[in-house]
């Protein structure tokens, strides 16, 4: 397949660098900091302010929400929330009765 490159864009240049998701990327260290903040129940707005000060000045609140979801999925490791809870309770030797429907 042949490609034709034309030296024109189909839109005006962006005025805000934050509109480019690649520039808002959060690195592994940032994900760890966000996971720790989420564990300590820091609200997303405060997480965004903190992560901006720590070297990610373009991070937006939606990036924080996405990072929190990513960290949660990693923590659950393919399990549902209830399955993860039951595993944790079993690991900590709690006695319980579980009935399946």
Foldseek 3Di string as FASTA:
>chain_A
DDDDDDPDDPDDDDPDPLVDVVLQDDDPVLLVVLVVCVVVVNDLVVSQVVVCVVPRVSHDSVNSVVSVVVVVCVQCVPHDPVVSVVVVCVVVPHDDDDDDD
